[in-house]
Amino acid sequence: MYRGERSIKPFVIGRKNWLFANTPRGASASATIYSIVETAKENGLNPFSYLQYLFERLPNLDIQDQNALDELLPWSATLPPACRVNNI
């Protein structure tokens, strides 16, 4: 099985659960969160720790700083070690 197929397997297995999104906005929000979680996994991050870090930092983000968002991306070297899988 290819890496791409493995990464979507949990989504395919649980696809009936996605029927409960009820609205296009709900489905969009679910897809966004799923994308963030899977991208975090692919970049060696603990999804829970990474999401917690994002939820703590995003409300205070200076949107005028063009590099601020880049520092929060899953492949950023500036992420704290607590977000990484091997440092839990």
N, C-alpha and C. Protein backbone atom coordinates (compact mmCIF):
# COMPACT_ATOMS: atom_id res chain seq x y z
N MET A 1 0.85 -1.16 0.00
CA MET A 1 0.00 0.00 0.00
C MET A 1 0.91 1.24 0.00
N TYR A 2 0.53 2.21 -0.78
CA TYR A 2 1.32 3.42 -0.89
C TYR A 2 1.06 4.35 0.29
N ARG A 3 2.04 5.21 0.55
CA ARG A 3 1.95 6.13 1.68
C ARG A 3 0.69 7.00 1.62
N GLY A 4 0.37 7.50 0.43
CA GLY A 4 -0.83 8.33 0.26
C GLY A 4 -2.10 7.57 0.58
N GLU A 5 -2.16 6.32 0.16
CA GLU A 5 -3.34 5.51 0.43
C GLU A 5 -3.47 5.24 1.93
N ARG A 6 -2.33 4.99 2.59
CA ARG A 6 -2.37 4.75 4.03
C ARG A 6 -2.84 5.98 4.80
N SER A 7 -2.46 7.17 4.32
CA SER A 7 -2.82 8.37 5.06
C SER A 7 -4.31 8.67 4.99
N ILE A 8 -4.99 8.22 3.94
CA ILE A 8 -6.43 8.49 3.85
C ILE A 8 -7.28 7.31 4.32
N LYS A 9 -6.65 6.19 4.65
CA LYS A 9 -7.41 5.01 5.07
C LYS A 9 -8.33 5.29 6.26
N PRO A 10 -7.86 5.99 7.33
CA PRO A 10 -8.79 6.27 8.44
C PRO A 10 -9.98 7.10 8.00
N PHE A 11 -9.76 8.00 7.08
CA PHE A 11 -10.86 8.83 6.58
C PHE A 11 -11.87 7.98 5.82
N VAL A 12 -11.39 7.07 4.99
CA VAL A 12 -12.28 6.22 4.20
C VAL A 12 -13.07 5.28 5.10
N ILE A 13 -12.41 4.71 6.09
CA ILE A 13 -13.08 3.78 7.00
C ILE A 13 -14.18 4.49 7.78
N GLY A 14 -13.94 5.73 8.18
CA GLY A 14 -14.92 6.45 8.98
C GLY A 14 -15.80 7.40 8.19
N ARG A 15 -15.88 7.23 6.89
CA ARG A 15 -16.60 8.22 6.06
C ARG A 15 -18.07 8.37 6.41
N LYS A 16 -18.70 7.33 6.94
CA LYS A 16 -20.11 7.49 7.32
C LYS A 16 -20.26 8.49 8.46
N ASN A 17 -19.24 8.62 9.29
CA ASN A 17 -19.29 9.62 10.37
C ASN A 17 -19.35 11.03 9.81
N TRP A 18 -18.80 11.22 8.63
CA TRP A 18 -18.76 12.56 8.03
C TRP A 18 -20.15 12.98 7.54
N LEU A 19 -21.09 12.08 7.48
CA LEU A 19 -22.45 12.44 7.08
C LEU A 19 -23.11 13.37 8.09
N PHE A 20 -22.55 13.40 9.29
CA PHE A 20 -23.13 14.23 10.34
C PHE A 20 -22.63 15.66 10.31
N ALA A 21 -21.89 16.04 9.28
CA ALA A 21 -21.43 17.42 9.15
C ALA A 21 -22.62 18.36 8.96
N ASN A 22 -23.71 17.88 8.40
CA ASN A 22 -24.98 18.59 8.23
C ASN A 22 -24.97 19.76 7.26
N THR A 23 -23.93 20.56 7.24
CA THR A 23 -23.91 21.75 6.39
C THR A 23 -22.61 21.80 5.60
N PRO A 24 -22.58 22.54 4.52
CA PRO A 24 -21.32 22.72 3.79
C PRO A 24 -20.23 23.35 4.66
N ARG A 25 -20.61 24.28 5.52
CA ARG A 25 -19.61 24.89 6.40
C ARG A 25 -19.05 23.87 7.39
N GLY A 26 -19.91 22.99 7.89
CA GLY A 26 -19.45 21.94 8.80
C GLY A 26 -18.52 20.98 8.10
N ALA A 27 -18.86 20.63 6.87
CA ALA A 27 -18.01 19.73 6.09
C ALA A 27 -16.67 20.39 5.79
N SER A 28 -16.69 21.67 5.48
CA SER A 28 -15.46 22.40 5.20
C SER A 28 -14.57 22.47 6.45
N ALA A 29 -15.18 22.73 7.60
CA ALA A 29 -14.42 22.79 8.84
C ALA A 29 -13.81 21.42 9.17
N SER A 30 -14.58 20.35 8.96
CA SER A 30 -14.07 19.00 9.21
C SER A 30 -12.90 18.68 8.28
N ALA A 31 -13.03 19.05 7.02
CA ALA A 31 -11.96 18.80 6.05
C ALA A 31 -10.70 19.59 6.41
N THR A 32 -10.89 20.81 6.88
CA THR A 32 -9.74 21.63 7.26
C THR A 32 -9.00 21.02 8.44
N ILE A 33 -9.73 20.63 9.46
CA ILE A 33 -9.11 20.03 10.64
C ILE A 33 -8.43 18.71 10.27
N TYR A 34 -9.09 17.90 9.46
CA TYR A 34 -8.51 16.63 9.03
C TYR A 34 -7.20 16.88 8.28
N SER A 35 -7.18 17.88 7.42
CA SER A 35 -5.98 18.21 6.66
C SER A 35 -4.85 18.65 7.58
N ILE A 36 -5.16 19.46 8.58
CA ILE A 36 -4.14 19.91 9.52
C ILE A 36 -3.57 18.74 10.30
N VAL A 37 -4.43 17.85 10.77
CA VAL A 37 -3.99 16.69 11.55
C VAL A 37 -3.10 15.77 10.71
N GLU A 38 -3.52 15.46 9.50
CA GLU A 38 -2.74 14.57 8.66
C GLU A 38 -1.41 15.19 8.23
N THR A 39 -1.40 16.49 7.98
CA THR A 39 -0.16 17.17 7.63
C THR A 39 0.78 17.18 8.83
N ALA A 40 0.24 17.36 10.02
CA ALA A 40 1.06 17.31 11.23
C ALA A 40 1.70 15.93 11.38
N LYS A 41 0.93 14.88 11.19
CA LYS A 41 1.46 13.52 11.29
C LYS A 41 2.59 13.30 10.29
N GLU A 42 2.39 13.74 9.06
CA GLU A 42 3.40 13.55 8.02
C GLU A 42 4.68 14.32 8.29
N ASN A 43 4.59 15.35 9.13
CA ASN A 43 5.76 16.15 9.47
C ASN A 43 6.34 15.79 10.83
N GLY A 44 5.94 14.64 11.36
CA GLY A 44 6.51 14.14 12.61
C GLY A 44 6.03 14.86 13.85
N LEU A 45 4.83 15.40 13.80
CA LEU A 45 4.28 16.11 14.95
C LEU A 45 3.20 15.29 15.64
N ASN A 46 3.04 15.52 16.92
CA ASN A 46 1.93 14.95 17.66
C ASN A 46 0.73 15.85 17.38
N PRO A 47 -0.30 15.35 16.70
CA PRO A 47 -1.43 16.22 16.32
C PRO A 47 -2.08 16.94 17.50
N PHE A 48 -2.25 16.27 18.62
CA PHE A 48 -2.89 16.91 19.77
C PHE A 48 -2.04 18.08 20.28
N SER A 49 -0.75 17.84 20.45
CA SER A 49 0.15 18.89 20.95
C SER A 49 0.24 20.04 19.95
N TYR A 50 0.27 19.71 18.67
CA TYR A 50 0.36 20.74 17.64
C TYR A 50 -0.91 21.60 17.61
N LEU A 51 -2.08 20.95 17.66
CA LEU A 51 -3.33 21.71 17.67
C LEU A 51 -3.43 22.59 18.93
N GLN A 52 -3.02 22.05 20.06
CA GLN A 52 -3.04 22.83 21.29
C GLN A 52 -2.15 24.06 21.14
N TYR A 53 -0.97 23.87 20.56
CA TYR A 53 -0.04 24.98 20.33
C TYR A 53 -0.68 26.02 19.40
N LEU A 54 -1.32 25.55 18.32
CA LEU A 54 -1.97 26.47 17.38
C LEU A 54 -3.09 27.26 18.06
N PHE A 55 -3.92 26.57 18.84
CA PHE A 55 -5.05 27.23 19.49
C PHE A 55 -4.59 28.26 20.53
N GLU A 56 -3.42 28.04 21.10
CA GLU A 56 -2.87 29.01 22.04
C GLU A 56 -2.26 30.21 21.34
N ARG A 57 -1.63 29.97 20.19
CA ARG A 57 -0.91 31.04 19.50
C ARG A 57 -1.76 31.85 18.53
N LEU A 58 -2.67 31.20 17.82
CA LEU A 58 -3.43 31.89 16.76
C LEU A 58 -4.24 33.09 17.24
N PRO A 59 -4.89 33.05 18.40
CA PRO A 59 -5.67 34.23 18.81
C PRO A 59 -4.82 35.49 18.99
N ASN A 60 -3.55 35.32 19.30
CA ASN A 60 -2.67 36.46 19.56
C ASN A 60 -1.73 36.75 18.39
N LEU A 61 -1.97 36.15 17.25
CA LEU A 61 -1.09 36.29 16.10
C LEU A 61 -1.17 37.70 15.52
N ASP A 62 -0.02 38.28 15.28
CA ASP A 62 0.05 39.59 14.63
C ASP A 62 -0.06 39.38 13.13
N ILE A 63 -1.22 39.67 12.56
CA ILE A 63 -1.44 39.40 11.14
C ILE A 63 -0.65 40.36 10.24
N GLN A 64 -0.11 41.42 10.82
CA GLN A 64 0.73 42.33 10.04
C GLN A 64 2.13 41.74 9.81
N ASP A 65 2.53 40.80 10.67
CA ASP A 65 3.83 40.15 10.54
C ASP A 65 3.71 39.01 9.53
N GLN A 66 4.34 39.18 8.38
CA GLN A 66 4.20 38.20 7.30
C GLN A 66 4.84 36.86 7.64
N ASN A 67 5.79 36.83 8.56
CA ASN A 67 6.44 35.57 8.92
C ASN A 67 5.75 34.84 10.07
N ALA A 68 4.82 35.51 10.72
CA ALA A 68 4.18 34.92 11.90
C ALA A 68 3.46 33.62 11.57
N LEU A 69 2.71 33.59 10.48
CA LEU A 69 1.99 32.37 10.12
C LEU A 69 2.95 31.28 9.66
N ASP A 70 4.01 31.65 8.95
CA ASP A 70 5.00 30.67 8.50
C ASP A 70 5.62 29.92 9.67
N GLU A 71 5.77 30.59 10.80
CA GLU A 71 6.37 29.96 11.98
C GLU A 71 5.45 28.92 12.62
N LEU A 72 4.17 28.92 12.25
CA LEU A 72 3.22 27.97 12.82
C LEU A 72 2.97 26.77 11.92
N LEU A 73 3.50 26.79 10.71
CA LEU A 73 3.28 25.68 9.78
C LEU A 73 3.94 24.41 10.28
N PRO A 74 3.39 23.25 9.94
CA PRO A 74 3.89 21.97 10.49
C PRO A 74 5.35 21.67 10.17
N TRP A 75 5.89 22.25 9.14
CA TRP A 75 7.29 21.98 8.76
C TRP A 75 8.24 23.06 9.28
N SER A 76 7.74 23.98 10.08
CA SER A 76 8.57 25.06 10.60
C SER A 76 9.57 24.53 11.63
N ALA A 77 10.79 24.99 11.50
CA ALA A 77 11.83 24.60 12.46
C ALA A 77 11.66 25.32 13.79
N THR A 78 10.80 26.33 13.83
CA THR A 78 10.61 27.11 15.07
C THR A 78 9.55 26.53 16.00
N LEU A 79 8.91 25.44 15.61
CA LEU A 79 7.91 24.82 16.50
C LEU A 79 8.61 24.28 17.74
N PRO A 80 7.95 24.34 18.89
CA PRO A 80 8.58 23.84 20.11
C PRO A 80 8.74 22.32 20.07
N PRO A 81 9.77 21.82 20.74
CA PRO A 81 10.01 20.36 20.76
C PRO A 81 8.81 19.57 21.29
N ALA A 82 7.99 20.16 22.13
CA ALA A 82 6.83 19.45 22.70
C ALA A 82 5.85 19.04 21.62
N CYS A 83 5.87 19.68 20.46
CA CYS A 83 4.96 19.33 19.38
C CYS A 83 5.44 18.12 18.58
N ARG A 84 6.70 17.80 18.71
CA ARG A 84 7.28 16.70 17.93
C ARG A 84 7.02 15.34 18.58
N VAL A 85 6.82 14.33 17.76
CA VAL A 85 6.49 12.99 18.25
C VAL A 85 7.62 12.42 19.11
N ASN A 86 8.85 12.57 18.70
CA ASN A 86 9.97 11.95 19.42
C ASN A 86 10.35 12.69 20.70
N ASN A 87 9.69 13.80 21.01
CA ASN A 87 10.00 14.55 22.22
C ASN A 87 8.85 14.57 23.22
N ILE A 88 7.96 13.63 23.11
CA ILE A 88 6.80 13.60 24.02
C ILE A 88 7.16 12.82 25.25
